[in-house]
């Protein structure tokens, strides 16, 4: 695979949409194979909760093995990201609507929200890969706020089951490398939200 991200330092932050973890791990591995240095970060929920999609320890180990680094899992450990210039771009994948709401309202109470805040101090881009059943209900106003917020970019997302989950939006995770490339050039991929026709 072409190392088009050679030398790029990507913060890769995971929050608690556990059903999408396997897709996010796959993308972290792809980005690593594209030459990026991946700085792994997990929210306290993501790193401390065991589900049918894997135990907490298994998920931490998986992300650490992919990146070759210890996972940042606390506010204290995430705070130096900006001051130490640890990242060129920050990815939150998956990004729950809970985390998006906190970012929209400048709430810093998890390792991931601190990582984003610290990274943003230098005006660098943040890419969000939304995964939430509530995206088009109560969380819509917060996601909409981030659409208009400087330095935030989104992985294009789709209504994954508009019949049974009419308010759900999930990022097209396979588009994460393309979304990162676009964000580095100040471009938002469009359409941001679409409906798959097949």
Protein backbone atom coordinates (compact mmCIF):
# COMPACT_ATOMS: atom_id res chain seq x y z
CA UNK A 1 0.00 0.00 0.00
CA UNK A 2 1.29 3.46 -0.88
CA UNK A 3 2.66 5.34 2.11
CA UNK A 4 0.94 8.61 1.25
CA UNK A 5 0.71 9.52 4.95
CA UNK A 6 4.39 8.98 5.64
CA UNK A 7 5.48 11.14 8.55
CA UNK A 8 1.92 12.25 9.38
CA UNK A 9 1.05 12.08 13.08
CA UNK A 10 -2.58 11.06 13.48
CA UNK A 11 -4.34 11.06 16.82
CA UNK A 12 -6.79 8.14 16.67
CA UNK A 13 -9.41 8.52 19.38
CA UNK A 14 -12.12 5.95 20.04
CA UNK A 15 -15.36 6.49 21.96
CA UNK A 16 -18.07 4.06 23.00
CA UNK A 17 -19.88 2.98 19.84
CA UNK A 18 -18.73 -0.58 20.45
CA UNK A 19 -20.53 -2.16 17.49
CA UNK A 20 -18.28 -0.17 15.13
CA UNK A 21 -14.97 -0.97 16.86
CA UNK A 22 -13.97 -3.65 14.35
CA UNK A 23 -14.34 -1.19 11.45
CA UNK A 24 -12.34 1.43 13.32
CA UNK A 25 -9.55 -1.00 14.15
CA UNK A 26 -9.42 -1.88 10.45
CA UNK A 27 -9.07 1.80 9.52
CA UNK A 28 -6.34 2.36 12.13
CA UNK A 29 -4.41 -0.49 10.55
CA UNK A 30 -4.91 0.93 7.06
CA UNK A 31 -3.66 4.35 8.16
CA UNK A 32 -0.64 2.73 9.79
CA UNK A 33 0.10 0.84 6.56
CA UNK A 34 -0.18 4.14 4.68
CA UNK A 35 2.81 5.38 6.63
CA UNK A 36 1.15 7.37 9.40
CA UNK A 37 2.28 7.43 12.99
CA UNK A 38 -0.84 6.65 15.01
CA UNK A 39 -1.26 8.03 18.53
CA UNK A 40 -3.97 5.85 20.14
CA UNK A 41 -6.54 7.36 22.50
CA UNK A 42 -9.63 5.83 24.11
CA UNK A 43 -12.32 7.45 26.22
CA UNK A 44 -12.83 6.06 29.69
CA UNK A 45 -16.01 4.31 28.52
CA UNK A 46 -14.31 2.86 25.45
CA UNK A 47 -11.34 1.55 27.45
CA UNK A 48 -13.26 0.45 30.53
CA UNK A 49 -16.33 -1.33 29.20
CA UNK A 50 -16.60 -4.97 28.15
CA UNK A 51 -19.35 -5.85 25.68
CA UNK A 52 -20.26 -8.61 23.25
CA UNK A 53 -17.95 -6.82 20.81
CA UNK A 54 -14.91 -7.52 22.99
CA UNK A 55 -13.65 -7.08 26.51
CA UNK A 56 -12.10 -3.82 27.61
CA UNK A 57 -8.67 -5.44 27.84
CA UNK A 58 -8.99 -7.01 24.39
CA UNK A 59 -9.90 -3.69 22.79
CA UNK A 60 -7.07 -1.81 24.48
CA UNK A 61 -4.61 -4.52 23.45
CA UNK A 62 -5.87 -4.51 19.86
CA UNK A 63 -5.42 -0.75 19.42
CA UNK A 64 -2.02 -0.85 21.10
CA UNK A 65 -0.84 -3.68 18.86
CA UNK A 66 -1.99 -1.90 15.70
CA UNK A 67 -0.29 1.36 16.61
CA UNK A 68 2.74 0.03 18.47
CA UNK A 69 2.07 2.50 21.30
CA UNK A 70 0.47 2.57 24.72
CA UNK A 71 -3.11 3.82 24.58
CA UNK A 72 -3.83 7.23 26.14
CA UNK A 73 -6.80 6.66 28.47
CA UNK A 74 -6.93 9.58 30.88
CA UNK A 75 -7.41 13.34 30.82
CA UNK A 76 -4.00 13.78 32.42
CA UNK A 77 -2.22 11.78 29.72
CA UNK A 78 -4.16 13.47 26.91
CA UNK A 79 -3.46 17.05 28.01
CA UNK A 80 0.14 17.22 26.62
CA UNK A 81 -0.96 16.34 23.07
CA UNK A 82 -1.15 19.98 22.00
CA UNK A 83 1.74 21.45 23.99
CA UNK A 84 4.07 18.66 22.85
CA UNK A 85 2.88 18.89 19.22
CA UNK A 86 2.09 15.17 19.22
CA UNK A 87 -0.48 15.24 16.40
CA UNK A 88 -0.92 16.81 12.95
CA UNK A 89 -4.57 15.77 12.71
CA UNK A 90 -7.01 14.25 15.18
CA UNK A 91 -9.50 11.54 14.23
CA UNK A 92 -12.39 10.52 16.49
CA UNK A 93 -13.59 7.15 15.23
CA UNK A 94 -16.10 6.17 16.30
CA UNK A 95 -17.49 9.45 17.58
CA UNK A 96 -20.66 8.99 19.59
CA UNK A 97 -23.32 11.68 19.69
CA UNK A 98 -22.47 12.06 23.38
CA UNK A 99 -18.89 13.00 22.51
CA UNK A 100 -20.02 15.24 19.63
CA UNK A 101 -22.34 17.04 22.06
CA UNK A 102 -19.48 17.60 24.49
CA UNK A 103 -17.23 18.94 21.75
CA UNK A 104 -19.98 21.28 20.52
CA UNK A 105 -20.37 22.65 24.04
CA UNK A 106 -16.66 22.75 24.94
CA UNK A 107 -17.03 20.14 27.70
CA UNK A 108 -13.73 18.48 28.54
CA UNK A 109 -14.34 15.53 30.84
CA UNK A 110 -12.86 12.52 29.04
CA UNK A 111 -9.51 11.55 27.57
CA UNK A 112 -10.93 12.03 24.07
CA UNK A 113 -12.48 15.46 24.61
CA UNK A 114 -9.24 16.59 26.25
CA UNK A 115 -7.22 15.17 23.35
CA UNK A 116 -9.33 17.13 20.86
CA UNK A 117 -9.20 20.33 22.93
CA UNK A 118 -5.44 20.09 23.36
CA UNK A 119 -4.92 19.33 19.65
CA UNK A 120 -7.14 22.26 18.60
CA UNK A 121 -5.05 24.83 20.46
CA UNK A 122 -2.86 25.07 17.34
CA UNK A 123 -5.79 25.27 14.91
CA UNK A 124 -5.19 21.83 13.42
CA UNK A 125 -7.95 19.74 11.81
CA UNK A 126 -10.22 17.28 13.60
CA UNK A 127 -12.05 14.55 11.66
CA UNK A 128 -15.17 13.04 13.23
CA UNK A 129 -16.57 9.64 12.23
CA UNK A 130 -20.06 9.79 13.72
CA UNK A 131 -21.83 6.62 14.87
CA UNK A 132 -25.08 7.16 16.74
CA UNK A 133 -28.72 6.08 16.76
CA UNK A 134 -29.62 9.58 17.99
CA UNK A 135 -27.93 11.68 15.32
CA UNK A 136 -31.13 13.01 13.78
CA UNK A 137 -33.01 13.48 17.07
CA UNK A 138 -31.75 15.24 20.18
CA UNK A 139 -28.14 15.19 19.04
CA UNK A 140 -28.83 16.79 15.66
CA UNK A 141 -28.35 20.35 16.95
CA UNK A 142 -24.93 19.51 18.38
CA UNK A 143 -23.71 17.76 15.25
CA UNK A 144 -25.07 20.70 13.25
CA UNK A 145 -23.10 23.09 15.45
CA UNK A 146 -19.91 21.20 14.62
CA UNK A 147 -20.71 21.38 10.89
CA UNK A 148 -20.19 25.14 11.25
CA UNK A 149 -17.25 25.03 13.64
CA UNK A 150 -13.82 25.90 12.29
CA UNK A 151 -11.32 23.02 12.04
CA UNK A 152 -13.95 20.27 12.27
CA UNK A 153 -14.48 17.87 9.36
CA UNK A 154 -16.68 14.81 8.99
CA UNK A 155 -16.33 11.42 7.42
CA UNK A 156 -19.37 11.19 5.11
CA UNK A 157 -22.17 9.32 6.85
CA UNK A 158 -25.24 7.44 5.84
CA UNK A 159 -28.56 6.40 7.27
CA UNK A 160 -27.67 2.77 7.88
CA UNK A 161 -31.27 1.62 8.47
CA UNK A 162 -33.69 4.45 7.79
CA UNK A 163 -36.73 2.18 8.25
CA UNK A 164 -35.96 0.64 11.63
CA UNK A 165 -33.57 3.33 12.93
CA UNK A 166 -34.76 6.54 11.26
CA UNK A 167 -32.56 8.83 13.39
CA UNK A 168 -29.36 6.80 13.03
CA UNK A 169 -26.27 8.02 11.18
CA UNK A 170 -23.07 6.02 10.79
CA UNK A 171 -19.86 7.15 9.14
CA UNK A 172 -18.72 5.36 6.02
CA UNK A 173 -15.53 4.28 7.77
CA UNK A 174 -13.88 3.13 4.54
CA UNK A 175 -13.77 6.81 3.53
CA UNK A 176 -11.65 7.82 6.53
CA UNK A 177 -8.31 8.06 4.62
CA UNK A 178 -9.99 10.22 1.96
CA UNK A 179 -11.60 12.40 4.63
CA UNK A 180 -8.22 12.89 6.31
CA UNK A 181 -6.57 13.90 3.04
CA UNK A 182 -9.36 16.37 2.35
CA UNK A 183 -9.25 17.84 5.86
CA UNK A 184 -5.51 18.40 5.61
CA UNK A 185 -6.32 20.59 2.60
CA UNK A 186 -9.19 22.39 4.37
CA UNK A 187 -11.87 20.54 2.40
CA UNK A 188 -15.03 18.82 3.65
CA UNK A 189 -16.03 15.80 1.58
CA UNK A 190 -19.59 16.01 0.26
CA UNK A 191 -22.28 14.92 0.47
CA UNK A 192 -21.82 14.80 4.24
CA UNK A 193 -25.00 12.76 4.70
CA UNK A 194 -26.36 10.46 2.04
CA UNK A 195 -28.61 7.46 1.53
CA UNK A 196 -27.20 4.37 -0.15
CA UNK A 197 -29.34 3.42 -3.13
CA UNK A 198 -28.32 -0.26 -3.44
